[in-house]
Every structure is written in C-alpha cells, then in structure tokens.
C-alpha atoms as a PDB file:
ATOM      1  CA  MET A   1       6.362  49.724 -28.099  1.00  0.00           C
ATOM      2  CA  ILE A   2       5.979  46.218 -29.491  1.00  0.00           C
ATOM      3  CA  ASP A   3       9.548  45.312 -28.484  1.00  0.00           C
ATOM      4  CA  ILE A   4       8.795  46.172 -24.833  1.00  0.00           C
ATOM      5  CA  LYS A   5       5.683  43.977 -24.896  1.00  0.00           C
ATOM      6  CA  LEU A   6       7.630  41.122 -26.452  1.00  0.00           C
ATOM      7  CA  ILE A   7      10.349  41.503 -23.832  1.00  0.00           C
ATOM      8  CA  ASN A   8       7.711  41.484 -21.052  1.00  0.00           C
ATOM      9  CA  ILE A   9       6.107  38.390 -22.530  1.00  0.00           C
ATOM     10  CA  GLU A  10       9.521  36.749 -22.794  1.00  0.00           C
ATOM     11  CA  TYR A  11      10.149  37.470 -19.106  1.00  0.00           C
ATOM     12  CA  ILE A  12       6.753  36.022 -18.226  1.00  0.00           C
ATOM     13  CA  VAL A  13       7.433  32.891 -20.277  1.00  0.00           C
ATOM     14  CA  VAL A  14      10.898  32.473 -18.733  1.00  0.00           C
ATOM     15  CA  ALA A  15       9.470  32.971 -15.228  1.00  0.00           C
ATOM     16  CA  MET A  16       6.716  30.422 -15.858  1.00  0.00           C
ATOM     17  CA  ALA A  17       9.238  27.964 -17.293  1.00  0.00           C
ATOM     18  CA  ALA A  18      11.410  28.398 -14.199  1.00  0.00           C
ATOM     19  CA  MET A  19       8.405  27.815 -11.941  1.00  0.00           C
ATOM     20  CA  ILE A  20       7.472  24.679 -13.877  1.00  0.00           C
ATOM     21  CA  LEU A  21      11.057  23.376 -13.663  1.00  0.00           C
ATOM     22  CA  TYR A  22      11.069  24.018  -9.921  1.00  0.00           C
ATOM     23  CA  LEU A  23       7.745  22.193  -9.523  1.00  0.00           C
ATOM     24  CA  LEU A  24       9.092  19.248 -11.545  1.00  0.00           C
ATOM     25  CA  TYR A  25      12.208  19.128  -9.371  1.00  0.00           C
ATOM     26  CA  TYR A  26      10.056  19.273  -6.241  1.00  0.00           C
ATOM     27  CA  VAL A  27       7.747  16.489  -7.468  1.00  0.00           C
ATOM     28  CA  PHE A  28      10.668  14.228  -8.425  1.00  0.00           C
ATOM     29  CA  THR A  29      12.314  14.825  -5.049  1.00  0.00           C
ATOM     30  CA  LYS A  30       9.129  14.003  -3.182  1.00  0.00           C
ATOM     31  CA  ASP A  31       8.540  11.005  -5.437  1.00  0.00           C
ATOM     32  CA  SER A  32      11.920   9.568  -4.436  1.00  0.00           C
ATOM     33  CA  GLU A  33      10.995   9.993  -0.770  1.00  0.00           C
ATOM     34  CA  PHE A  34       7.669   8.300  -1.414  1.00  0.00           C
ATOM     35  CA  ASN A  35       9.459   5.410  -3.152  1.00  0.00           C
ATOM     36  CA  LYS A  36      11.755   5.073  -0.135  1.00  0.00           C
ATOM     37  CA  ASN A  37       8.700   4.830   2.119  1.00  0.00           C
ATOM     38  CA  ILE A  38       7.155   2.245  -0.188  1.00  0.00           C
ATOM     39  CA  ARG A  39      10.354   0.179   0.012  1.00  0.00           C
ATOM     40  CA  SER A  40      10.167   0.270   3.821  1.00  0.00           C
ATOM     41  CA  VAL A  41       6.544  -0.904   3.661  1.00  0.00           C
ATOM     42  CA  ALA A  42       7.586  -3.665   1.273  1.00  0.00           C
ATOM     43  CA  SER A  43      10.287  -4.688   3.740  1.00  0.00           C
ATOM     44  CA  VAL A  44       7.728  -4.905   6.551  1.00  0.00           C
ATOM     45  CA  VAL A  45       5.430  -6.962   4.310  1.00  0.00           C
ATOM     46  CA  GLU A  46       8.317  -9.276   3.431  1.00  0.00           C
ATOM     47  CA  ASP A  47       9.078  -9.736   7.152  1.00  0.00           C
ATOM     48  CA  LEU A  48       5.405 -10.501   7.773  1.00  0.00           C
ATOM     49  CA  ASN A  49       5.397 -13.081   4.983  1.00  0.00           C
ATOM     50  CA  ARG A  50       8.498 -14.700   6.439  1.00  0.00           C
ATOM     51  CA  GLU A  51       6.857 -14.740   9.877  1.00  0.00           C
ATOM     52  CA  ILE A  52       3.706 -16.313   8.397  1.00  0.00           C
ATOM     53  CA  PHE A  53       5.834 -19.011   6.777  1.00  0.00           C
ATOM     54  CA  TYR A  54       7.510 -19.851  10.091  1.00  0.00           C
ATOM     55  CA  LEU A  55       4.159 -19.800  11.882  1.00  0.00           C
ATOM     56  CA  LYS A  56       2.657 -22.201   9.349  1.00  0.00           C
ATOM     57  CA  LYS A  57       5.645 -24.472   9.790  1.00  0.00           C
ATOM     58  CA  GLU A  58       5.278 -24.321  13.567  1.00  0.00           C
ATOM     59  CA  LEU A  59       1.539 -24.986  13.280  1.00  0.00           C
ATOM     60  CA  THR A  60       2.226 -28.070  11.201  1.00  0.00           C
ATOM     61  CA  GLU A  61       4.723 -29.318  13.775  1.00  0.00           C
ATOM     62  CA  THR A  62       2.269 -28.577  16.585  1.00  0.00           C
ATOM     63  CA  LYS A  63      -0.473 -30.496  14.787  1.00  0.00           C
ATOM     64  CA  LYS A  64       1.855 -33.483  14.439  1.00  0.00           C
ATOM     65  CA  SER A  65       2.778 -33.204  18.102  1.00  0.00           C
ATOM     66  CA  ILE A  66      -0.878 -33.024  19.111  1.00  0.00           C
ATOM     67  CA  LYS A  67      -1.698 -36.053  16.962  1.00  0.00           C
ATOM     68  CA  SER A  68       1.068 -38.073  18.533  1.00  0.00           C
ATOM     69  CA  ASN A  69       0.064 -36.937  22.028  1.00  0.00           C
ATOM     70  CA  SER A  70      -3.702 -36.967  21.480  1.00  0.00           C
ATOM     71  CA  SER A  71      -4.049 -40.450  22.840  1.00  0.00           C
ATOM     72  CA  ARG A  72      -2.630 -39.184  26.135  1.00  0.00           C
ATOM     73  CA  MET A  73      -4.488 -35.821  26.239  1.00  0.00           C
ATOM     74  CA  SER A  74      -8.109 -35.143  27.018  1.00  0.00           C
ATOM     75  CA  ASP A  75     -10.282 -33.079  24.692  1.00  0.00           C
ATOM     76  CA  GLU A  76     -10.079 -30.106  27.032  1.00  0.00           C
ATOM     77  CA  GLU A  77      -6.275 -30.273  27.151  1.00  0.00           C
ATOM     78  CA  ILE A  78      -6.132 -30.457  23.372  1.00  0.00           C
ATOM     79  CA  TYR A  79      -8.424 -27.430  23.108  1.00  0.00           C
ATOM     80  CA  GLU A  80      -6.257 -25.448  25.552  1.00  0.00           C
ATOM     81  CA  GLU A  81      -3.063 -26.417  23.683  1.00  0.00           C
ATOM     82  CA  VAL A  82      -4.542 -25.380  20.346  1.00  0.00           C
ATOM     83  CA  GLU A  83      -5.777 -22.110  21.830  1.00  0.00           C
ATOM     84  CA  ARG A  84      -2.395 -21.329  23.396  1.00  0.00           C
ATOM     85  CA  THR A  85      -0.497 -22.230  20.219  1.00  0.00           C
ATOM     86  CA  THR A  86      -2.858 -20.150  18.089  1.00  0.00           C
ATOM     87  CA  TYR A  87      -2.444 -17.151  20.376  1.00  0.00           C
ATOM     88  CA  ASP A  88       1.343 -17.491  20.268  1.00  0.00           C
ATOM     89  CA  MET A  89       1.261 -17.573  16.466  1.00  0.00           C
ATOM     90  CA  VAL A  90      -1.198 -14.717  16.013  1.00  0.00           C
ATOM     91  CA  LYS A  91       0.457 -12.299  18.441  1.00  0.00           C
ATOM     92  CA  PRO A  92       3.568 -11.490  16.302  1.00  0.00           C
ATOM     93  CA  LEU A  93       1.402 -11.314  13.211  1.00  0.00           C
ATOM     94  CA  SER A  94      -0.927  -8.871  14.948  1.00  0.00           C
ATOM     95  CA  LEU A  95       2.018  -6.704  16.009  1.00  0.00           C
ATOM     96  CA  GLY A  96       3.363  -6.709  12.444  1.00  0.00           C
ATOM     97  CA  VAL A  97      -0.018  -5.691  11.035  1.00  0.00           C
ATOM     98  CA  LYS A  98      -0.243  -2.913  13.620  1.00  0.00           C
ATOM     99  CA  ARG A  99       3.225  -1.603  12.595  1.00  0.00           C
ATOM    100  CA  LEU A 100       2.233  -1.785   8.938  1.00  0.00           C
ATOM    101  CA  GLU A 101      -0.962   0.151   9.660  1.00  0.00           C
ATOM    102  CA  GLU A 102       0.983   2.855  11.525  1.00  0.00           C
ATOM    103  CA  THR A 103       3.455   3.123   8.642  1.00  0.00           C
ATOM    104  CA  LEU A 104       0.624   3.448   6.116  1.00  0.00           C
ATOM    105  CA  ILE A 105      -1.081   6.137   8.216  1.00  0.00           C
ATOM    106  CA  THR A 106       2.200   8.067   8.389  1.00  0.00           C
ATOM    107  CA  ILE A 107       2.709   7.778   4.624  1.00  0.00           C
ATOM    108  CA  ASP A 108      -0.895   8.860   4.002  1.00  0.00           C
ATOM    109  CA  GLU A 109      -0.453  11.931   6.233  1.00  0.00           C
ATOM    110  CA  GLN A 110       2.802  12.822   4.468  1.00  0.00           C
ATOM    111  CA  MET A 111       1.205  12.460   1.037  1.00  0.00           C
ATOM    112  CA  ASN A 112      -1.798  14.568   2.054  1.00  0.00           C
ATOM    113  CA  SER A 113       0.461  17.337   3.357  1.00  0.00           C
ATOM    114  CA  ARG A 114       2.580  17.193   0.190  1.00  0.00           C
ATOM    115  CA  ILE A 115      -0.505  17.362  -2.011  1.00  0.00           C
ATOM    116  CA  ALA A 116      -1.813  20.324  -0.019  1.00  0.00           C
ATOM    117  CA  SER A 117       1.581  22.002  -0.338  1.00  0.00           C
ATOM    118  CA  LEU A 118       1.675  21.426  -4.099  1.00  0.00           C
ATOM    119  CA  GLU A 119      -1.887  22.683  -4.488  1.00  0.00           C
ATOM    120  CA  SER A 120      -1.119  25.867  -2.581  1.00  0.00           C
ATOM    121  CA  GLY A 121       2.046  26.335  -4.652  1.00  0.00           C
ATOM    122  CA  VAL A 122       0.116  25.957  -7.889  1.00  0.00           C
ATOM    123  CA  LYS A 123      -2.562  28.373  -6.658  1.00  0.00           C
ATOM    124  CA  GLN A 124       0.136  30.974  -6.011  1.00  0.00           C
ATOM    125  CA  ILE A 125       1.228  30.914  -9.647  1.00  0.00           C
ATOM    126  CA  SER A 126      -0.703  33.756 -11.158  1.00  0.00           C
ATOM    127  CA  ILE A 127      -1.609  33.252 -14.781  1.00  0.00           C
ATOM    128  CA  PRO A 128      -2.732  36.491 -16.356  1.00  0.00           C
ATOM    129  CA  THR A 129      -6.396  36.429 -17.306  1.00  0.00           C
ATOM    130  CA  SER A 130      -5.661  38.755 -20.155  1.00  0.00           C
ATOM    131  CA  VAL A 131      -2.702  39.360 -22.390  1.00  0.00           C
ATOM    132  CA  HIS A 132      -3.452  43.028 -23.051  1.00  0.00           C
ATOM    133  CA  GLY A 133      -6.541  43.740 -20.933  1.00  0.00           C
ATOM    134  CA  ASN A 134      -9.100  45.287 -23.279  1.00  0.00           C
ATOM    135  CA  ASP A 135      -7.866  43.266 -26.250  1.00  0.00           C
ATOM    136  CA  ASP A 136      -9.610  40.146 -24.924  1.00  0.00           C
ATOM    137  CA  GLU A 137     -13.072  41.437 -25.725  1.00  0.00           C
ATOM    138  CA  LYS A 138     -11.929  42.662 -29.141  1.00  0.00           C
ATOM    139  CA  ILE A 139     -10.318  39.298 -29.920  1.00  0.00           C
ATOM    140  CA  ILE A 140     -13.412  37.349 -28.861  1.00  0.00           C
ATOM    141  CA  SER A 141     -15.749  39.669 -30.725  1.00  0.00           C
ATOM    142  CA  LEU A 142     -13.723  39.526 -33.941  1.00  0.00           C
ATOM    143  CA  PHE A 143     -13.344  35.749 -33.723  1.00  0.00           C
ATOM    144  CA  LYS A 144     -17.097  35.293 -33.243  1.00  0.00           C
ATOM    145  CA  GLN A 145     -17.637  37.467 -36.322  1.00  0.00           C
ATOM    146  CA  GLY A 146     -15.589  34.962 -38.300  1.00  0.00           C
ATOM    147  CA  VAL A 147     -12.404  36.989 -38.643  1.00  0.00           C
ATOM    148  CA  SER A 148      -9.325  34.775 -39.063  1.00  0.00           C
ATOM    149  CA  LEU A 149      -6.626  34.566 -36.392  1.00  0.00           C
ATOM    150  CA  GLU A 150      -4.049  36.183 -38.700  1.00  0.00           C
ATOM    151  CA  THR A 151      -6.312  39.150 -39.376  1.00  0.00           C
ATOM    152  CA  ILE A 152      -7.088  39.621 -35.684  1.00  0.00           C
ATOM    153  CA  SER A 153      -3.397  39.562 -34.794  1.00  0.00           C
ATOM    154  CA  LYS A 154      -2.583  42.131 -37.517  1.00  0.00           C
ATOM    155  CA  GLU A 155      -5.420  44.470 -36.533  1.00  0.00           C
ATOM    156  CA  LEU A 156      -4.593  44.418 -32.829  1.00  0.00           C
ATOM    157  CA  HIS A 157      -0.806  44.317 -33.374  1.00  0.00           C
ATOM    158  CA  ILE A 158      -0.307  41.156 -31.337  1.00  0.00           C
ATOM    159  CA  SER A 159       1.019  37.731 -32.256  1.00  0.00           C
ATOM    160  CA  LYS A 160      -1.141  34.901 -33.494  1.00  0.00           C
ATOM    161  CA  ALA A 161      -0.073  32.854 -30.464  1.00  0.00           C
ATOM    162  CA  GLU A 162      -1.409  35.564 -28.143  1.00  0.00           C
ATOM    163  CA  VAL A 163      -4.747  35.509 -29.971  1.00  0.00           C
ATOM    164  CA  GLU A 164      -4.911  31.728 -29.606  1.00  0.00           C
ATOM    165  CA  PHE A 165      -3.956  32.033 -25.936  1.00  0.00           C
ATOM    166  CA  VAL A 166      -6.814  34.461 -25.214  1.00  0.00           C
ATOM    167  CA  LEU A 167      -9.299  32.234 -27.045  1.00  0.00           C
ATOM    168  CA  LYS A 168      -8.118  29.156 -25.151  1.00  0.00           C
ATOM    169  CA  ILE A 169      -8.262  30.897 -21.756  1.00  0.00           C
ATOM    170  CA  ASN A 170     -11.812  32.017 -22.502  1.00  0.00           C
ATOM    171  CA  LYS A 171     -12.639  28.491 -23.705  1.00  0.00           C
ATOM    172  CA  ILE A 172     -13.671  29.614 -27.138  1.00  0.00           C
ATOM    173  CA  LYS A 173     -11.190  27.630 -29.208  1.00  0.00           C
END
C-alpha cells in the first residue's frame, strides 16, 4: 500500500518537474524574443541620436549662415527662415519618436499577452491541497499539540517531507 502511494507521489513530482522545465523553456524562449525587440528599439534610438547629431550640426551651420546674411535680411525674413529650418529639423525627429512609440506599444501588448498566457498556464497547474485528504487535519492537530514531525509521520505512515508539505501549504510552519 505504501509503495503505491510512493509511486503516485513520484509520478506527481516527475510531472511537476516536467511542467516546471517546460515553463522555464517557454520563459527563456520568450525572453530571447523580448531581447530581440529591445535590440530593435535600441537601433531606432541609435538612429534618432544620429539624426539629432546631424540636425544639431545643420542648425549650427544655419545659424552661421543667418549671421552672415543677417545684415541683408529683415527681422521678419530671419524669423521665417528660423521657423522653416526648425520645422525641417523637427519633422524627422517627430517621425522617429512616433515610430519608437508604436514599437513600444507593440512590445507592451506582446508582453501583456505573454504575461496573461503564463498566468493562465500557471493557474492550470493543479497543486493538490492535500497529500492524503483526511490526514491534513490529523497532521495539523498533532502538530498544534506539540507532537514532533517524526512522530506524526510514523503515526500516520507518511514521510516527514509530506508532513512538512501539509504544514507549509496550510501556512502553519
């Protein structure tokens, strides 16, 4: 009788170990995909930084050009030139930020769906609330009376680990 229970427990432990290994494999696989997405975001950010550098350079050149031509231009013409130059510089930056925002929204949606998927997968793993059903109450009662774990396991013909498991599940030890 005890051998059958031990075999059943061994099957449960092996099944849980297999489920945990599968979950680890799944998480590592998804983590690699997430890292790939992060690298693409980093690439977009790098492109934006490069574009900012070129825009700053162009702004500096435009300022020099305006200074050299300011004696020939009226205040209104200078204002229009600055406004036009600023718009030309901001437009690509705005488009890059918009692409980055879309990429981040996509990554966020993917992560939320993956988290929901993992949560539902974890919820489907059924952990038994009791090792031997009625033994839970006996274990808890004996433990509260001060009976040692070894004595409880001998009296109920179960392993010490099972006694500890029941106490931990019921948040007693």
